[in-house]
Amino acid sequence: RLKQIKKVLESQYSQTVYFTFSKPTHLEVNSIHASKGVAVKTIARHFGFTMEDIIAIGNDENDVSMLEYAGLGIAMGNASDKVKKHANAITVTNNENGIARVIHQYLGF
């Protein structure tokens, strides 16, 4: 039912807000100017980082903008296929220490 609601809302309000699912039962509504991607970009610019300096890791639809902005966007193994298609790489699941593996693999820690 939420997927149907999302389609209706997107057809009417996509110019000002965007809709994502963070869980199958959580439809999020945000300003197009307020996403994780916008936040990462704002922080990066403030500290003088380029997108190539950024590694983002995510697993839900609300992470897609961040994965797309980052120089290296990594989806968790338990992410949906929709999220994975926006990532440059995929790690193992959160239950298998996926973030720790990313830190070790890409940062050498």
N, C-alpha and C. Protein backbone atom coordinates (compact mmCIF):
# COMPACT_ATOMS: atom_id res chain seq x y z
N ARG A 1 0.82 -1.20 0.00
CA ARG A 1 0.00 0.00 0.00
C ARG A 1 0.87 1.26 0.00
N LEU A 2 1.96 1.25 0.74
CA LEU A 2 2.84 2.42 0.76
C LEU A 2 3.47 2.69 -0.60
N LYS A 3 3.76 1.64 -1.35
CA LYS A 3 4.31 1.84 -2.70
C LYS A 3 3.32 2.58 -3.58
N GLN A 4 2.04 2.27 -3.44
CA GLN A 4 1.01 2.96 -4.21
C GLN A 4 0.92 4.43 -3.77
N ILE A 5 0.97 4.65 -2.48
CA ILE A 5 0.92 6.02 -1.96
C ILE A 5 2.13 6.81 -2.46
N LYS A 6 3.29 6.17 -2.45
CA LYS A 6 4.50 6.83 -2.94
C LYS A 6 4.34 7.27 -4.39
N LYS A 7 3.81 6.40 -5.23
CA LYS A 7 3.62 6.75 -6.65
C LYS A 7 2.70 7.96 -6.81
N VAL A 8 1.61 7.98 -6.08
CA VAL A 8 0.67 9.10 -6.16
C VAL A 8 1.35 10.39 -5.71
N LEU A 9 2.03 10.34 -4.59
CA LEU A 9 2.70 11.53 -4.07
C LEU A 9 3.80 12.02 -5.02
N GLU A 10 4.57 11.08 -5.56
CA GLU A 10 5.64 11.47 -6.49
C GLU A 10 5.08 12.18 -7.72
N SER A 11 3.95 11.71 -8.22
CA SER A 11 3.37 12.34 -9.41
C SER A 11 2.93 13.78 -9.15
N GLN A 12 2.65 14.10 -7.90
CA GLN A 12 2.17 15.44 -7.57
C GLN A 12 3.24 16.36 -6.97
N TYR A 13 4.23 15.79 -6.29
CA TYR A 13 5.15 16.62 -5.51
C TYR A 13 6.63 16.42 -5.80
N SER A 14 6.97 15.73 -6.87
CA SER A 14 8.38 15.39 -7.12
C SER A 14 9.27 16.60 -7.38
N GLN A 15 8.67 17.76 -7.66
CA GLN A 15 9.48 18.96 -7.89
C GLN A 15 10.02 19.57 -6.60
N THR A 16 9.41 19.23 -5.47
CA THR A 16 9.81 19.85 -4.21
C THR A 16 10.24 18.85 -3.13
N VAL A 17 9.79 17.61 -3.22
CA VAL A 17 10.16 16.61 -2.23
C VAL A 17 10.49 15.29 -2.92
N TYR A 18 11.20 14.44 -2.21
CA TYR A 18 11.45 13.10 -2.72
C TYR A 18 11.06 12.10 -1.65
N PHE A 19 10.79 10.90 -2.11
CA PHE A 19 10.25 9.86 -1.25
C PHE A 19 11.16 8.64 -1.32
N THR A 20 11.50 8.10 -0.17
CA THR A 20 12.32 6.89 -0.11
C THR A 20 11.79 5.99 0.99
N PHE A 21 12.18 4.74 0.89
CA PHE A 21 11.89 3.78 1.95
C PHE A 21 13.18 3.51 2.70
N SER A 22 13.16 3.67 4.01
CA SER A 22 14.30 3.28 4.82
C SER A 22 14.08 1.88 5.39
N LYS A 23 12.85 1.48 5.42
CA LYS A 23 12.41 0.13 5.79
C LYS A 23 11.14 -0.12 4.98
N PRO A 24 10.75 -1.36 4.79
CA PRO A 24 9.52 -1.60 4.01
C PRO A 24 8.29 -0.89 4.54
N THR A 25 8.28 -0.58 5.82
CA THR A 25 7.12 0.09 6.42
C THR A 25 7.37 1.56 6.74
N HIS A 26 8.50 2.12 6.30
CA HIS A 26 8.85 3.51 6.59
C HIS A 26 9.03 4.30 5.30
N LEU A 27 8.01 5.00 4.90
CA LEU A 27 8.10 5.89 3.75
C LEU A 27 8.56 7.25 4.25
N GLU A 28 9.72 7.69 3.78
CA GLU A 28 10.27 8.97 4.20
C GLU A 28 9.98 10.04 3.16
N VAL A 29 9.64 11.21 3.62
CA VAL A 29 9.34 12.35 2.75
C VAL A 29 10.31 13.46 3.14
N ASN A 30 11.10 13.91 2.17
CA ASN A 30 12.11 14.94 2.44
C ASN A 30 12.13 15.98 1.35
N SER A 31 12.57 17.16 1.71
CA SER A 31 12.81 18.20 0.72
C SER A 31 13.89 17.73 -0.24
N ILE A 32 13.80 18.14 -1.50
CA ILE A 32 14.85 17.78 -2.44
C ILE A 32 16.19 18.41 -2.06
N HIS A 33 16.15 19.35 -1.14
CA HIS A 33 17.37 20.01 -0.68
C HIS A 33 17.92 19.38 0.61
N ALA A 34 17.28 18.32 1.08
CA ALA A 34 17.69 17.70 2.35
C ALA A 34 17.80 16.19 2.17
N SER A 35 18.98 15.75 1.73
CA SER A 35 19.23 14.33 1.57
C SER A 35 20.60 14.02 2.17
N LYS A 36 20.89 12.76 2.31
CA LYS A 36 22.21 12.39 2.81
C LYS A 36 23.29 12.83 1.82
N GLY A 37 22.98 12.78 0.53
CA GLY A 37 23.94 13.24 -0.47
C GLY A 37 24.23 14.72 -0.34
N VAL A 38 23.21 15.52 -0.15
CA VAL A 38 23.39 16.97 0.05
C VAL A 38 24.18 17.23 1.32
N ALA A 39 23.89 16.48 2.37
CA ALA A 39 24.62 16.66 3.63
C ALA A 39 26.10 16.33 3.47
N VAL A 40 26.41 15.21 2.83
CA VAL A 40 27.81 14.83 2.62
C VAL A 40 28.51 15.88 1.76
N LYS A 41 27.85 16.33 0.72
CA LYS A 41 28.43 17.35 -0.17
C LYS A 41 28.71 18.64 0.59
N THR A 42 27.78 19.07 1.42
CA THR A 42 27.94 20.30 2.20
C THR A 42 29.11 20.18 3.18
N ILE A 43 29.18 19.08 3.88
CA ILE A 43 30.28 18.87 4.84
C ILE A 43 31.62 18.77 4.11
N ALA A 44 31.64 18.06 2.99
CA ALA A 44 32.88 17.92 2.22
C ALA A 44 33.39 19.28 1.76
N ARG A 45 32.50 20.09 1.22
CA ARG A 45 32.91 21.42 0.77
C ARG A 45 33.42 22.27 1.93
N HIS A 46 32.75 22.19 3.06
CA HIS A 46 33.16 22.96 4.23
C HIS A 46 34.60 22.63 4.64
N PHE A 47 34.96 21.36 4.58
CA PHE A 47 36.29 20.92 5.00
C PHE A 47 37.28 20.81 3.84
N GLY A 48 36.86 21.16 2.64
CA GLY A 48 37.77 21.16 1.50
C GLY A 48 38.01 19.81 0.86
N PHE A 49 37.10 18.88 1.04
CA PHE A 49 37.24 17.56 0.42
C PHE A 49 36.52 17.55 -0.93
N THR A 50 37.03 16.76 -1.85
CA THR A 50 36.34 16.53 -3.12
C THR A 50 35.56 15.23 -3.01
N MET A 51 34.70 14.99 -3.98
CA MET A 51 33.93 13.76 -3.93
C MET A 51 34.84 12.53 -4.00
N GLU A 52 35.99 12.66 -4.64
CA GLU A 52 36.93 11.54 -4.71
C GLU A 52 37.50 11.18 -3.34
N ASP A 53 37.44 12.10 -2.40
CA ASP A 53 37.92 11.85 -1.04
C ASP A 53 36.90 11.10 -0.18
N ILE A 54 35.68 10.94 -0.68
CA ILE A 54 34.58 10.45 0.13
C ILE A 54 34.29 8.97 -0.15
N ILE A 55 34.16 8.20 0.93
CA ILE A 55 33.63 6.84 0.87
C ILE A 55 32.32 6.86 1.65
N ALA A 56 31.26 6.41 1.01
CA ALA A 56 29.95 6.34 1.67
C ALA A 56 29.50 4.88 1.66
N ILE A 57 28.89 4.47 2.76
CA ILE A 57 28.41 3.10 2.90
C ILE A 57 26.94 3.17 3.29
N GLY A 58 26.10 2.41 2.59
CA GLY A 58 24.69 2.46 2.90
C GLY A 58 23.96 1.17 2.56
N ASN A 59 22.73 1.08 3.07
CA ASN A 59 21.95 -0.13 2.81
C ASN A 59 20.48 0.13 2.47
N ASP A 60 20.00 1.35 2.61
CA ASP A 60 18.60 1.63 2.35
C ASP A 60 18.45 2.71 1.29
N GLU A 61 17.23 2.84 0.77
CA GLU A 61 16.97 3.81 -0.29
C GLU A 61 17.37 5.23 0.09
N ASN A 62 17.25 5.56 1.36
CA ASN A 62 17.60 6.92 1.78
C ASN A 62 19.11 7.16 1.73
N ASP A 63 19.89 6.14 1.42
CA ASP A 63 21.34 6.26 1.28
C ASP A 63 21.79 6.46 -0.16
N VAL A 64 20.89 6.30 -1.12
CA VAL A 64 21.27 6.33 -2.54
C VAL A 64 21.94 7.64 -2.93
N SER A 65 21.40 8.77 -2.52
CA SER A 65 22.00 10.06 -2.92
C SER A 65 23.43 10.17 -2.39
N MET A 66 23.69 9.64 -1.22
CA MET A 66 25.02 9.66 -0.63
C MET A 66 25.96 8.72 -1.41
N LEU A 67 25.48 7.54 -1.77
CA LEU A 67 26.29 6.60 -2.54
C LEU A 67 26.64 7.18 -3.90
N GLU A 68 25.69 7.88 -4.51
CA GLU A 68 25.94 8.48 -5.82
C GLU A 68 26.91 9.65 -5.75
N TYR A 69 26.88 10.42 -4.68
CA TYR A 69 27.77 11.57 -4.56
C TYR A 69 29.20 11.15 -4.28
N ALA A 70 29.39 10.16 -3.45
CA ALA A 70 30.72 9.77 -3.00
C ALA A 70 31.58 9.28 -4.16
N GLY A 71 32.86 9.52 -4.03
CA GLY A 71 33.80 8.97 -5.00
C GLY A 71 33.75 7.46 -5.01
N LEU A 72 33.49 6.88 -3.84
CA LEU A 72 33.34 5.43 -3.71
C LEU A 72 32.10 5.17 -2.88
N GLY A 73 31.05 4.72 -3.52
CA GLY A 73 29.80 4.37 -2.84
C GLY A 73 29.72 2.87 -2.69
N ILE A 74 29.56 2.41 -1.46
CA ILE A 74 29.55 0.98 -1.19
C ILE A 74 28.22 0.58 -0.55
N ALA A 75 27.58 -0.41 -1.13
CA ALA A 75 26.34 -0.93 -0.58
C ALA A 75 26.65 -2.11 0.33
N MET A 76 25.89 -2.21 1.38
CA MET A 76 26.01 -3.36 2.28
C MET A 76 25.44 -4.59 1.57
N GLY A 77 25.92 -5.75 1.95
CA GLY A 77 25.44 -6.99 1.35
C GLY A 77 23.96 -7.22 1.55
N ASN A 78 23.40 -6.67 2.60
CA ASN A 78 21.98 -6.83 2.88
C ASN A 78 21.13 -5.72 2.28
N ALA A 79 21.73 -4.85 1.47
CA ALA A 79 20.97 -3.79 0.80
C ALA A 79 20.09 -4.39 -0.29
N SER A 80 19.06 -3.66 -0.65
CA SER A 80 18.20 -4.11 -1.74
C SER A 80 18.94 -3.98 -3.07
N ASP A 81 18.46 -4.69 -4.08
CA ASP A 81 19.06 -4.58 -5.41
C ASP A 81 18.98 -3.16 -5.94
N LYS A 82 17.91 -2.44 -5.58
CA LYS A 82 17.75 -1.05 -6.00
C LYS A 82 18.90 -0.20 -5.47
N VAL A 83 19.30 -0.41 -4.24
CA VAL A 83 20.40 0.34 -3.65
C VAL A 83 21.73 -0.12 -4.25
N LYS A 84 21.90 -1.42 -4.39
CA LYS A 84 23.16 -1.96 -4.92
C LYS A 84 23.49 -1.44 -6.31
N LYS A 85 22.48 -1.19 -7.13
CA LYS A 85 22.76 -0.72 -8.49
C LYS A 85 23.34 0.70 -8.51
N HIS A 86 23.23 1.43 -7.41
CA HIS A 86 23.78 2.79 -7.32
C HIS A 86 25.18 2.81 -6.69
N ALA A 87 25.68 1.66 -6.29
CA ALA A 87 26.97 1.57 -5.61
C ALA A 87 28.09 1.20 -6.58
N ASN A 88 29.30 1.60 -6.22
CA ASN A 88 30.48 1.20 -6.98
C ASN A 88 30.95 -0.18 -6.57
N ALA A 89 30.64 -0.55 -5.35
CA ALA A 89 31.08 -1.85 -4.82
C ALA A 89 30.06 -2.32 -3.78
N ILE A 90 30.13 -3.59 -3.46
CA ILE A 90 29.25 -4.17 -2.45
C ILE A 90 30.11 -4.93 -1.45
N THR A 91 29.85 -4.71 -0.18
CA THR A 91 30.56 -5.43 0.87
C THR A 91 29.63 -6.50 1.43
N VAL A 92 30.06 -7.20 2.45
CA VAL A 92 29.22 -8.20 3.08
C VAL A 92 28.19 -7.51 3.96
N THR A 93 27.31 -8.27 4.59
CA THR A 93 26.23 -7.69 5.39
C THR A 93 26.75 -7.05 6.67
N ASN A 94 25.85 -6.30 7.30
CA ASN A 94 26.21 -5.69 8.58
C ASN A 94 26.48 -6.75 9.64
N ASN A 95 25.81 -7.89 9.57
CA ASN A 95 26.05 -8.98 10.53
C ASN A 95 27.40 -9.66 10.31
N GLU A 96 28.01 -9.41 9.16
CA GLU A 96 29.32 -9.98 8.85
C GLU A 96 30.42 -8.92 8.92
N ASN A 97 30.15 -7.83 9.61
CA ASN A 97 31.12 -6.75 9.79
C ASN A 97 31.50 -6.06 8.49
N GLY A 98 30.50 -5.79 7.66
CA GLY A 98 30.75 -5.17 6.36
C GLY A 98 31.47 -3.84 6.43
N ILE A 99 31.10 -3.00 7.38
CA ILE A 99 31.78 -1.69 7.48
C ILE A 99 33.23 -1.86 7.89
N ALA A 100 33.49 -2.74 8.82
CA ALA A 100 34.88 -3.01 9.23
C ALA A 100 35.70 -3.51 8.05
N ARG A 101 35.11 -4.33 7.23
CA ARG A 101 35.83 -4.84 6.05
C ARG A 101 36.14 -3.72 5.07
N VAL A 102 35.21 -2.79 4.90
CA VAL A 102 35.45 -1.65 4.01
C VAL A 102 36.60 -0.81 4.55
N ILE A 103 36.58 -0.53 5.84
CA ILE A 103 37.65 0.27 6.45
C ILE A 103 38.99 -0.42 6.27
N HIS A 104 39.02 -1.70 6.49
CA HIS A 104 40.28 -2.45 6.34
C HIS A 104 40.73 -2.47 4.87
N GLN A 105 39.80 -2.78 3.97
CA GLN A 105 40.15 -2.92 2.55
C GLN A 105 40.59 -1.60 1.91
N TYR A 106 39.85 -0.53 2.17
CA TYR A 106 40.11 0.72 1.47
C TYR A 106 40.98 1.70 2.24
N LEU A 107 41.02 1.58 3.56
CA LEU A 107 41.81 2.52 4.36
C LEU A 107 43.00 1.87 5.04
N GLY A 108 43.05 0.55 5.01
CA GLY A 108 44.20 -0.16 5.54
C GLY A 108 44.25 -0.26 7.06
N PHE A 109 43.14 -0.01 7.73
CA PHE A 109 43.12 -0.11 9.20
C PHE A 109 42.60 -1.46 9.61
